[in-house]
Amino acid sequence: MVDKVSVCNAALQFIGAQATISSIDPPDGSQESNVAALFYQPRIDALHRTANWNFSRRQVVLTQLKTAISTTATPVPLADRPPAPFLFEYEYPVDCLRVRYIPNLYLNAGTTPALTSAPNSAWPYPYWQSVPAKFVVGNDTDVNGNVIKVILTDQPQAQMVYTARIEDPNLWDAHFYDAACATLAAWFVNALARNRALMNDMIKIADAIIAEARRTDGDEGLTNADHIPDWQRVRGSNAVAWGGRWAMSFDAITWPDGQQY
C-alpha cells in the first residue's frame, strides 16, 4: 500500500536525498517534509490535467442550480436565471480538476417541462448526437451570496465527464505513479539543493516518463487520440462521428525552469 508520504519519499530518492519523511499533513518538521507539503497537491493536481487519464475519468449527473425555462406561464425571474444566454446552470463537482465534455444526451422521461421535441434515440446515437454539448465554466452566487463555481450549458439533465482528483495513490495507474514521483522530484530539487544541473536532468527524466504514461494510457481501451489534428481544427471540428468518442485536449506540463513540454 502506498500513500502520499511514500510518493514523496520516492521523489526524494530520485534526487539522491539522504533523508526520508514521516508526514506531510501536517509536516514532520524537517525541511524535506515542508517542501513536500508545499508542492505535493498542486503538482499532483497539475499532473492529473496533463492527459485524459483513464483511471481519473468520472461521469456524473450534474446537480441543477438554475434554469431559464419556466414550468408555468410565469417567466422565471431574472435573478433566478443562469447568466444569459444559457438555459441551465449546474453545480461544479468538488473533485473536478478539468471538465472533459458534456455528452449530448436527451432523456424525456421525468423531464420537467417535458422535452416533447427531443429525440428518443437509443444507443448508438446518430451523428448529431455524438457531438458534445457546448458549455462554459463560470461562477455565480448562491442563495447566501457566496461565489461558487458553476457549469453553464443549454443541455437539460446534463451529465458531465471530467478528470477527478484521485487522492489515493493505490488507485493510480502504475505509469502515473512513476510520473508523479519524477514530477515531484523535479520540483523538489530547487527548493532543497539549488542544483540546476540536477533539476534539468530530472525535468528530462520526468518529461520522458509522462510521455510514456500518456502513450500507454491512450492505448488502453477503444479511444481516440486526445489530440485534435490541424486539418480538423481549421475546419472547426472537434468531434468524431462514430460511437460518441471525441478528441479532447489536455494541459501541457509546466516545469520549474518555466518551460512547457
Protein backbone atom coordinates (compact mmCIF):
# COMPACT_ATOMS: atom_id res chain seq x y z
CA MET A 1 0.00 0.00 0.00
CA VAL A 2 1.31 3.44 -0.91
CA ASP A 3 0.29 6.85 0.36
CA LYS A 4 1.26 10.49 -0.09
CA VAL A 5 4.30 10.13 2.15
CA SER A 6 5.67 7.14 0.22
CA VAL A 7 5.21 9.03 -3.06
CA CYS A 8 7.19 11.95 -1.65
CA ASN A 9 9.90 9.65 -0.29
CA ALA A 10 10.23 8.03 -3.71
CA ALA A 11 10.59 11.52 -5.22
CA LEU A 12 13.32 12.32 -2.67
CA GLN A 13 15.17 9.17 -3.67
CA PHE A 14 15.00 10.29 -7.31
CA ILE A 15 17.20 13.26 -6.42
CA GLY A 16 19.51 11.30 -4.13
CA ALA A 17 18.26 12.75 -0.85
CA GLN A 18 19.56 11.02 2.26
CA ALA A 19 16.53 11.85 4.41
CA THR A 20 13.04 10.39 4.40
CA ILE A 21 9.91 11.96 5.81
CA SER A 22 7.16 10.58 8.04
CA SER A 23 4.33 13.04 7.40
CA ILE A 24 3.29 15.95 5.20
CA ASP A 25 -0.14 16.61 6.69
CA PRO A 26 0.99 18.11 8.95
CA PRO A 27 4.71 18.27 8.05
CA ASP A 28 7.02 16.41 10.42
CA GLY A 29 9.20 19.49 10.91
CA SER A 30 12.00 18.59 8.50
CA GLN A 31 12.90 20.76 5.54
CA GLU A 32 12.10 17.89 3.19
CA SER A 33 8.65 17.48 4.72
CA ASN A 34 7.92 21.20 4.49
CA VAL A 35 8.88 21.23 0.81
CA ALA A 36 6.82 18.10 0.10
CA ALA A 37 3.77 19.58 1.84
CA LEU A 38 4.13 22.75 -0.24
CA PHE A 39 4.43 21.06 -3.61
CA TYR A 40 2.55 17.77 -3.34
CA GLN A 41 -1.11 18.61 -4.03
CA PRO A 42 -0.63 21.43 -6.59
CA ARG A 43 1.82 19.37 -8.67
CA ILE A 44 -0.26 16.16 -8.48
CA ASP A 45 -3.39 18.12 -9.47
CA ALA A 46 -1.50 19.63 -12.41
CA LEU A 47 -0.30 16.17 -13.46
CA HIS A 48 -3.91 14.93 -13.41
CA ARG A 49 -4.68 17.59 -16.01
CA THR A 50 -1.82 16.65 -18.39
CA ALA A 51 -3.76 13.81 -20.01
CA ASN A 52 -7.25 12.37 -20.01
CA TRP A 53 -6.13 9.52 -17.80
CA ASN A 54 -8.46 6.54 -17.77
CA PHE A 55 -8.11 5.97 -14.02
CA SER A 56 -9.29 9.52 -13.22
CA ARG A 57 -12.29 9.56 -15.59
CA ARG A 58 -15.55 10.18 -13.78
CA GLN A 59 -19.07 10.66 -15.18
CA VAL A 60 -21.86 12.10 -13.04
CA VAL A 61 -25.32 13.57 -13.36
CA LEU A 62 -24.90 17.25 -12.55
CA THR A 63 -26.94 18.98 -9.86
CA GLN A 64 -29.07 21.70 -11.44
CA LEU A 65 -28.95 25.06 -9.67
CA LYS A 66 -30.86 27.34 -12.03
CA THR A 67 -32.86 27.25 -15.25
CA ALA A 68 -34.31 29.87 -17.54
CA ILE A 69 -37.14 27.51 -18.53
CA SER A 70 -40.38 28.07 -16.64
CA THR A 71 -42.78 25.26 -15.78
CA THR A 72 -45.70 27.70 -15.68
CA ALA A 73 -46.95 30.59 -17.74
CA THR A 74 -44.97 32.94 -15.49
CA PRO A 75 -41.42 33.60 -16.68
CA VAL A 76 -38.56 32.77 -14.35
CA PRO A 77 -37.40 35.98 -12.57
CA LEU A 78 -34.13 37.32 -13.93
CA ALA A 79 -32.41 36.91 -10.57
CA ASP A 80 -33.21 33.17 -10.59
CA ARG A 81 -31.96 32.50 -14.11
CA PRO A 82 -28.50 31.38 -15.15
CA PRO A 83 -26.31 34.03 -16.82
CA ALA A 84 -27.60 34.75 -20.33
CA PRO A 85 -27.72 33.24 -22.87
CA PHE A 86 -27.53 29.85 -21.12
CA LEU A 87 -30.62 27.84 -20.22
CA PHE A 88 -29.18 25.78 -17.35
CA GLU A 89 -26.70 26.26 -14.54
CA TYR A 90 -25.21 23.24 -12.74
CA GLU A 91 -23.07 22.73 -9.68
CA TYR A 92 -19.35 22.22 -10.36
CA PRO A 93 -18.27 18.90 -8.77
CA VAL A 94 -15.93 19.46 -5.82
CA ASP A 95 -13.46 16.82 -7.04
CA CYS A 96 -13.36 18.06 -10.64
CA LEU A 97 -9.92 19.14 -11.86
CA ARG A 98 -10.80 19.51 -15.54
CA VAL A 99 -14.04 19.19 -17.49
CA ARG A 100 -13.66 16.82 -20.44
CA TYR A 101 -17.07 17.07 -22.08
CA ILE A 102 -20.83 17.07 -21.57
CA PRO A 103 -22.48 14.26 -23.55
CA ASN A 104 -25.26 15.36 -25.83
CA LEU A 105 -27.89 13.10 -24.25
CA TYR A 106 -31.63 13.70 -24.11
CA LEU A 107 -33.88 11.80 -21.73
CA ASN A 108 -37.57 12.59 -22.00
CA ALA A 109 -38.63 10.52 -19.02
CA GLY A 110 -39.05 12.60 -15.91
CA THR A 111 -38.16 15.87 -17.58
CA THR A 112 -39.99 18.96 -16.39
CA PRO A 113 -41.12 20.52 -18.63
CA ALA A 114 -41.36 17.52 -20.95
CA LEU A 115 -38.90 17.63 -23.83
CA THR A 116 -41.60 16.72 -26.32
CA SER A 117 -39.48 17.77 -29.28
CA ALA A 118 -36.34 15.93 -28.15
CA PRO A 119 -35.34 12.68 -29.82
CA ASN A 120 -35.70 9.37 -28.03
CA SER A 121 -32.74 7.71 -29.65
CA ALA A 122 -31.22 4.56 -28.23
CA TRP A 123 -27.51 3.75 -28.48
CA PRO A 124 -25.76 4.06 -30.90
CA TYR A 125 -26.56 7.76 -31.30
CA PRO A 126 -26.79 9.38 -34.71
CA TYR A 127 -24.02 11.73 -35.82
CA TRP A 128 -25.52 14.96 -34.46
CA GLN A 129 -25.84 13.41 -31.02
CA SER A 130 -22.21 12.26 -31.00
CA VAL A 131 -21.07 15.90 -30.84
CA PRO A 132 -20.64 17.05 -27.21
CA ALA A 133 -22.87 19.79 -25.84
CA LYS A 134 -21.41 23.28 -25.58
CA PHE A 135 -20.66 24.54 -22.09
CA VAL A 136 -18.78 27.21 -20.17
CA VAL A 137 -17.18 27.03 -16.73
CA GLY A 138 -18.08 30.20 -14.84
CA ASN A 139 -19.09 31.48 -11.46
CA ASP A 140 -22.26 32.72 -9.84
CA THR A 141 -23.53 33.40 -6.33
CA ASP A 142 -25.53 31.02 -4.17
CA VAL A 143 -28.54 31.92 -2.04
CA ASN A 144 -26.23 33.27 0.66
CA GLY A 145 -24.31 35.49 -1.72
CA ASN A 146 -21.21 33.27 -1.77
CA VAL A 147 -19.31 32.99 -5.06
CA ILE A 148 -19.45 29.44 -6.42
CA LYS A 149 -18.05 27.69 -9.48
CA VAL A 150 -20.70 26.52 -11.96
CA ILE A 151 -21.24 24.85 -15.33
CA LEU A 152 -23.33 26.81 -17.83
CA THR A 153 -24.90 24.98 -20.76
CA ASP A 154 -28.09 24.55 -22.77
CA GLN A 155 -28.08 20.81 -22.07
CA PRO A 156 -31.04 19.61 -19.95
CA GLN A 157 -30.48 16.87 -17.37
CA ALA A 158 -26.79 17.24 -18.03
CA GLN A 159 -24.21 14.62 -17.31
CA MET A 160 -20.51 15.50 -17.31
CA VAL A 161 -17.34 13.55 -17.92
CA TYR A 162 -14.38 15.03 -16.12
CA THR A 163 -10.95 14.43 -14.66
CA ALA A 164 -11.43 13.77 -10.96
CA ARG A 165 -8.87 14.29 -8.21
CA ILE A 166 -7.87 10.77 -7.21
CA GLU A 167 -6.19 11.22 -3.84
CA ASP A 168 -5.43 7.56 -3.12
CA PRO A 169 -2.18 6.63 -4.96
CA ASN A 170 -3.26 2.97 -4.88
CA LEU A 171 -5.89 3.84 -7.49
CA TRP A 172 -3.40 5.49 -9.85
CA ASP A 173 -2.16 3.84 -12.99
CA ALA A 174 1.36 2.44 -12.46
CA HIS A 175 2.88 4.77 -15.04
CA PHE A 176 1.11 7.74 -13.48
CA TYR A 177 2.69 6.80 -10.16
CA ASP A 178 6.14 6.90 -11.77
CA ALA A 179 5.29 10.22 -13.42
CA ALA A 180 4.11 11.64 -10.09
CA CYS A 181 7.33 10.70 -8.29
CA ALA A 182 9.51 12.09 -11.08
CA THR A 183 7.48 15.29 -11.36
CA LEU A 184 7.70 15.97 -7.62
CA ALA A 185 11.43 15.26 -7.76
CA ALA A 186 11.93 17.90 -10.44
CA TRP A 187 10.19 20.46 -8.22
CA PHE A 188 11.97 19.36 -5.04
CA VAL A 189 15.47 19.95 -6.44
CA ASN A 190 15.47 23.72 -6.48
CA ALA A 191 13.89 24.00 -3.05
CA LEU A 192 16.26 21.52 -1.39
CA ALA A 193 19.54 21.56 -3.29
CA ARG A 194 19.68 24.58 -5.64
CA ASN A 195 21.31 22.29 -8.21
CA ARG A 196 20.37 23.45 -11.69
CA ALA A 197 22.07 20.57 -13.48
CA LEU A 198 20.22 18.02 -11.35
CA MET A 199 16.95 19.91 -11.87
CA ASN A 200 17.40 19.86 -15.66
CA ASP A 201 18.17 16.15 -15.56
CA MET A 202 15.03 15.47 -13.51
CA ILE A 203 12.89 17.54 -15.86
CA LYS A 204 14.08 15.43 -18.82
CA ILE A 205 13.50 12.19 -16.93
CA ALA A 206 10.05 13.24 -15.72
CA ASP A 207 9.01 14.50 -19.13
CA ALA A 208 10.00 11.21 -20.74
CA ILE A 209 8.07 9.22 -18.12
CA ILE A 210 4.96 11.39 -18.65
CA ALA A 211 5.17 10.92 -22.42
CA GLU A 212 5.29 7.15 -21.98
CA ALA A 213 2.46 7.26 -19.44
CA ARG A 214 0.31 9.21 -21.90
CA ARG A 215 1.05 6.71 -24.65
CA THR A 216 0.25 3.59 -22.65
CA ASP A 217 -2.85 5.18 -21.13
CA GLY A 218 -4.09 6.18 -24.57
CA ASP A 219 -3.59 2.61 -25.82
CA GLU A 220 -5.83 1.22 -23.06
CA GLY A 221 -9.32 0.78 -24.41
CA LEU A 222 -11.07 1.79 -27.63
CA THR A 223 -10.44 5.51 -27.54
CA ASN A 224 -9.25 8.16 -29.93
CA ALA A 225 -6.02 10.09 -29.53
CA ASP A 226 -6.50 13.07 -27.21
CA HIS A 227 -5.25 15.45 -29.87
CA ILE A 228 -7.11 17.49 -32.47
CA PRO A 229 -5.23 17.29 -35.79
CA ASP A 230 -4.60 20.57 -37.61
CA TRP A 231 -6.82 19.54 -40.51
CA GLN A 232 -9.71 19.07 -38.04
CA ARG A 233 -9.02 22.19 -36.02
CA VAL A 234 -9.02 24.57 -39.01
CA ARG A 235 -12.39 23.21 -40.07
CA GLY A 236 -13.88 23.92 -36.66
CA SER A 237 -14.42 20.27 -35.84
CA ASN A 238 -13.51 18.68 -32.53
CA ALA A 239 -15.55 15.52 -32.57
CA VAL A 240 -15.63 12.15 -34.27
CA ALA A 241 -18.91 10.86 -35.66
CA TRP A 242 -18.59 7.21 -34.71
CA GLY A 243 -19.60 5.84 -31.35
CA GLY A 244 -19.73 9.08 -29.40
CA ARG A 245 -15.96 9.34 -28.96
CA TRP A 246 -14.39 12.76 -29.01
CA ALA A 247 -10.93 14.20 -29.46
CA MET A 248 -10.25 16.00 -26.18
CA SER A 249 -7.41 18.31 -25.33
CA PHE A 250 -5.31 18.32 -22.17
CA ASP A 251 -2.82 20.62 -20.46
CA ALA A 252 0.86 20.96 -21.16
CA ILE A 253 3.15 20.30 -18.22
CA THR A 254 4.98 23.31 -16.78
CA TRP A 255 8.37 22.77 -15.16
CA PRO A 256 10.27 24.77 -12.53
CA ASP A 257 12.55 26.23 -15.22
CA GLY A 258 9.47 27.94 -16.72
CA GLN A 259 9.35 25.74 -19.81
CA GLN A 260 6.43 23.70 -21.11
CA TYR A 261 6.90 20.37 -22.83
